[in-house]
N, C-alpha and C. Protein backbone atom coordinates (compact mmCIF):
# COMPACT_ATOMS: atom_id res chain seq x y z
N MET A 1 -20.68 31.02 48.75
CA MET A 1 -20.19 30.32 47.57
C MET A 1 -18.66 30.31 47.62
N SER A 2 -18.12 29.18 47.29
CA SER A 2 -16.70 29.03 47.30
C SER A 2 -16.11 29.37 45.92
N PHE A 3 -14.86 29.72 45.96
CA PHE A 3 -14.15 30.05 44.72
C PHE A 3 -14.12 28.83 43.77
N TRP A 4 -14.02 27.63 44.33
CA TRP A 4 -13.99 26.41 43.50
C TRP A 4 -15.33 26.11 42.85
N ASN A 5 -16.42 26.53 43.49
CA ASN A 5 -17.71 26.33 42.88
C ASN A 5 -17.95 27.14 41.62
N ILE A 6 -17.18 28.17 41.47
CA ILE A 6 -17.24 29.00 40.25
C ILE A 6 -16.19 28.57 39.25
N LEU A 7 -14.98 28.25 39.70
CA LEU A 7 -13.86 27.95 38.83
C LEU A 7 -14.05 26.60 38.12
N ILE A 8 -14.47 25.57 38.79
CA ILE A 8 -14.57 24.25 38.20
C ILE A 8 -15.52 24.20 37.02
N PRO A 9 -16.75 24.75 37.08
CA PRO A 9 -17.64 24.72 35.90
C PRO A 9 -17.06 25.51 34.73
N ILE A 10 -16.39 26.63 35.00
CA ILE A 10 -15.80 27.40 33.92
C ILE A 10 -14.69 26.62 33.27
N LEU A 11 -13.82 26.01 34.03
CA LEU A 11 -12.75 25.19 33.47
C LEU A 11 -13.26 23.99 32.70
N THR A 12 -14.32 23.38 33.24
CA THR A 12 -14.94 22.23 32.56
C THR A 12 -15.52 22.66 31.20
N LEU A 13 -16.16 23.80 31.15
CA LEU A 13 -16.70 24.33 29.90
C LEU A 13 -15.59 24.55 28.90
N ILE A 14 -14.51 25.20 29.31
CA ILE A 14 -13.41 25.51 28.40
C ILE A 14 -12.76 24.21 27.87
N VAL A 15 -12.50 23.27 28.77
CA VAL A 15 -11.92 21.98 28.32
C VAL A 15 -12.87 21.24 27.41
N GLY A 16 -14.15 21.26 27.66
CA GLY A 16 -15.14 20.60 26.81
C GLY A 16 -15.20 21.21 25.44
N LEU A 17 -15.13 22.56 25.37
CA LEU A 17 -15.16 23.23 24.06
C LEU A 17 -13.91 22.88 23.26
N VAL A 18 -12.76 22.91 23.90
CA VAL A 18 -11.50 22.64 23.20
C VAL A 18 -11.50 21.17 22.70
N LEU A 19 -11.86 20.24 23.54
CA LEU A 19 -11.89 18.84 23.12
C LEU A 19 -12.94 18.58 22.04
N GLY A 20 -14.08 19.24 22.15
CA GLY A 20 -15.12 19.11 21.11
C GLY A 20 -14.63 19.65 19.77
N PHE A 21 -13.95 20.77 19.80
CA PHE A 21 -13.44 21.36 18.58
C PHE A 21 -12.39 20.44 17.96
N LEU A 22 -11.46 19.94 18.76
CA LEU A 22 -10.45 19.04 18.22
C LEU A 22 -11.05 17.74 17.67
N GLY A 23 -12.06 17.21 18.37
CA GLY A 23 -12.73 16.02 17.87
C GLY A 23 -13.44 16.29 16.54
N GLY A 24 -14.06 17.47 16.43
CA GLY A 24 -14.73 17.84 15.17
C GLY A 24 -13.76 18.00 14.04
N VAL A 25 -12.62 18.58 14.29
CA VAL A 25 -11.59 18.74 13.25
C VAL A 25 -11.09 17.37 12.79
N PHE A 26 -10.79 16.49 13.75
CA PHE A 26 -10.34 15.15 13.40
C PHE A 26 -11.37 14.43 12.57
N TYR A 27 -12.64 14.49 12.95
CA TYR A 27 -13.71 13.81 12.23
C TYR A 27 -13.87 14.38 10.83
N LEU A 28 -13.83 15.69 10.68
CA LEU A 28 -13.98 16.32 9.40
C LEU A 28 -12.83 15.96 8.47
N ARG A 29 -11.64 15.93 9.00
CA ARG A 29 -10.46 15.55 8.17
C ARG A 29 -10.59 14.11 7.69
N SER A 30 -11.01 13.23 8.57
CA SER A 30 -11.18 11.83 8.15
C SER A 30 -12.27 11.69 7.08
N GLN A 31 -13.33 12.45 7.20
CA GLN A 31 -14.40 12.38 6.19
C GLN A 31 -13.92 12.94 4.86
N MET A 32 -13.13 14.03 4.90
CA MET A 32 -12.60 14.59 3.65
C MET A 32 -11.66 13.61 2.97
N THR A 33 -10.86 12.88 3.75
CA THR A 33 -9.95 11.89 3.20
C THR A 33 -10.74 10.76 2.57
N LYS A 34 -11.82 10.33 3.19
CA LYS A 34 -12.66 9.29 2.61
C LYS A 34 -13.30 9.74 1.31
N MET A 35 -13.69 11.00 1.24
CA MET A 35 -14.32 11.52 0.04
C MET A 35 -13.35 11.58 -1.15
N GLN A 36 -12.07 11.79 -0.87
CA GLN A 36 -11.08 11.81 -1.92
C GLN A 36 -11.02 10.45 -2.63
N ASN A 37 -11.23 9.40 -1.88
CA ASN A 37 -11.09 8.05 -2.44
C ASN A 37 -12.43 7.46 -2.91
N ASN A 38 -13.54 8.08 -2.56
CA ASN A 38 -14.84 7.52 -2.86
C ASN A 38 -15.71 8.58 -3.57
N PRO A 39 -15.80 8.46 -4.92
CA PRO A 39 -16.58 9.48 -5.64
C PRO A 39 -18.07 9.44 -5.30
N ASP A 40 -18.59 8.28 -4.90
CA ASP A 40 -20.01 8.21 -4.53
C ASP A 40 -20.29 9.09 -3.30
N MET A 41 -19.39 9.05 -2.36
CA MET A 41 -19.58 9.86 -1.14
C MET A 41 -19.52 11.34 -1.49
N LEU A 42 -18.63 11.71 -2.37
CA LEU A 42 -18.50 13.10 -2.81
C LEU A 42 -19.75 13.55 -3.56
N ALA A 43 -20.28 12.67 -4.42
CA ALA A 43 -21.51 13.00 -5.16
C ALA A 43 -22.69 13.15 -4.23
N LYS A 44 -22.75 12.29 -3.19
CA LYS A 44 -23.85 12.39 -2.22
C LYS A 44 -23.79 13.70 -1.47
N MET A 45 -22.60 14.15 -1.05
CA MET A 45 -22.45 15.40 -0.37
C MET A 45 -22.87 16.57 -1.27
N ALA A 46 -22.44 16.50 -2.53
CA ALA A 46 -22.81 17.58 -3.47
C ALA A 46 -24.31 17.63 -3.67
N LYS A 47 -24.92 16.47 -3.76
CA LYS A 47 -26.39 16.44 -3.97
C LYS A 47 -27.12 17.00 -2.75
N GLN A 48 -26.60 16.76 -1.54
CA GLN A 48 -27.21 17.29 -0.33
C GLN A 48 -27.12 18.80 -0.34
N MET A 49 -26.07 19.34 -0.95
CA MET A 49 -25.89 20.78 -1.01
C MET A 49 -26.65 21.40 -2.20
N GLY A 50 -27.30 20.55 -3.02
CA GLY A 50 -28.10 21.06 -4.10
C GLY A 50 -27.39 21.11 -5.42
N TYR A 51 -26.25 20.41 -5.56
CA TYR A 51 -25.53 20.38 -6.81
C TYR A 51 -25.60 18.99 -7.42
N ASN A 52 -25.80 18.94 -8.72
CA ASN A 52 -25.69 17.69 -9.46
C ASN A 52 -24.43 17.72 -10.26
N MET A 53 -23.51 16.82 -9.97
CA MET A 53 -22.21 16.80 -10.63
C MET A 53 -22.10 15.58 -11.54
N ASN A 54 -21.56 15.82 -12.75
CA ASN A 54 -21.30 14.68 -13.63
C ASN A 54 -19.94 14.08 -13.30
N LYS A 55 -19.54 13.03 -13.99
CA LYS A 55 -18.30 12.33 -13.64
C LYS A 55 -17.08 13.22 -13.80
N GLN A 56 -17.07 14.04 -14.82
CA GLN A 56 -15.92 14.92 -15.05
C GLN A 56 -15.80 15.93 -13.91
N GLN A 57 -16.90 16.49 -13.45
CA GLN A 57 -16.88 17.42 -12.36
C GLN A 57 -16.44 16.76 -11.07
N LEU A 58 -16.89 15.50 -10.84
CA LEU A 58 -16.49 14.76 -9.65
C LEU A 58 -14.99 14.51 -9.67
N GLN A 59 -14.43 14.14 -10.82
CA GLN A 59 -13.02 13.87 -10.93
C GLN A 59 -12.19 15.16 -10.66
N LYS A 60 -12.69 16.25 -11.18
CA LYS A 60 -12.01 17.53 -10.97
C LYS A 60 -12.05 17.92 -9.48
N ALA A 61 -13.21 17.70 -8.86
CA ALA A 61 -13.32 18.03 -7.40
C ALA A 61 -12.40 17.15 -6.57
N GLN A 62 -12.33 15.85 -6.93
CA GLN A 62 -11.42 14.96 -6.20
C GLN A 62 -9.96 15.39 -6.38
N GLN A 63 -9.61 15.77 -7.58
CA GLN A 63 -8.22 16.21 -7.83
C GLN A 63 -7.93 17.48 -7.05
N MET A 64 -8.84 18.39 -7.00
CA MET A 64 -8.65 19.63 -6.21
C MET A 64 -8.48 19.30 -4.75
N MET A 65 -9.26 18.39 -4.23
CA MET A 65 -9.15 18.02 -2.81
C MET A 65 -7.82 17.36 -2.52
N LYS A 66 -7.32 16.51 -3.45
CA LYS A 66 -6.05 15.87 -3.24
C LYS A 66 -4.92 16.87 -3.27
N ASN A 67 -4.97 17.84 -4.21
CA ASN A 67 -3.93 18.90 -4.31
C ASN A 67 -3.96 19.76 -3.07
N GLN A 68 -5.12 20.08 -2.56
CA GLN A 68 -5.23 20.91 -1.38
C GLN A 68 -4.68 20.19 -0.16
N ASN A 69 -4.95 18.89 -0.08
CA ASN A 69 -4.45 18.07 1.03
C ASN A 69 -2.94 18.01 1.02
N GLN A 70 -2.32 17.92 -0.18
CA GLN A 70 -0.89 17.84 -0.24
C GLN A 70 -0.25 19.18 0.11
N ASN A 71 -0.86 20.28 -0.20
CA ASN A 71 -0.35 21.60 0.12
C ASN A 71 -0.53 21.97 1.57
N ALA A 72 -1.46 21.33 2.25
CA ALA A 72 -1.80 21.68 3.62
C ALA A 72 -1.00 20.90 4.66
N LYS A 73 -0.10 20.00 4.23
CA LYS A 73 0.67 19.22 5.19
C LYS A 73 1.61 20.13 5.95
N PRO A 74 1.79 19.86 7.24
CA PRO A 74 2.67 20.75 8.05
C PRO A 74 4.11 20.69 7.59
N ARG A 75 4.72 21.85 7.62
CA ARG A 75 6.12 21.95 7.22
C ARG A 75 7.00 21.99 8.43
N ARG A 76 8.10 21.28 8.37
CA ARG A 76 9.02 21.25 9.52
C ARG A 76 10.33 21.87 9.15
C-alpha cells in the first residue's frame, strides 16, 4: 500500500466535511432570513416542532430573529 492510497481518502473526507458544513451554514442562514420576512414559513416551522403560535407570538418571534440577526453581524 502506498502512502497516497491512505492520504487521499482522508483528505477527501476532511474537505467534504468542511464543505458540507459550510454549505449547511449558508443554507440555514438563508432559510432564517426568509423566515424573518415570511410569517407563514415561521408558523409552519413552529407547527412542525409542535407549537401553535398566534399572530402576536409570530410577530414577537420575527422581531427577536431580526434583533438577533442585527447583533450577529461581524464587527470590523
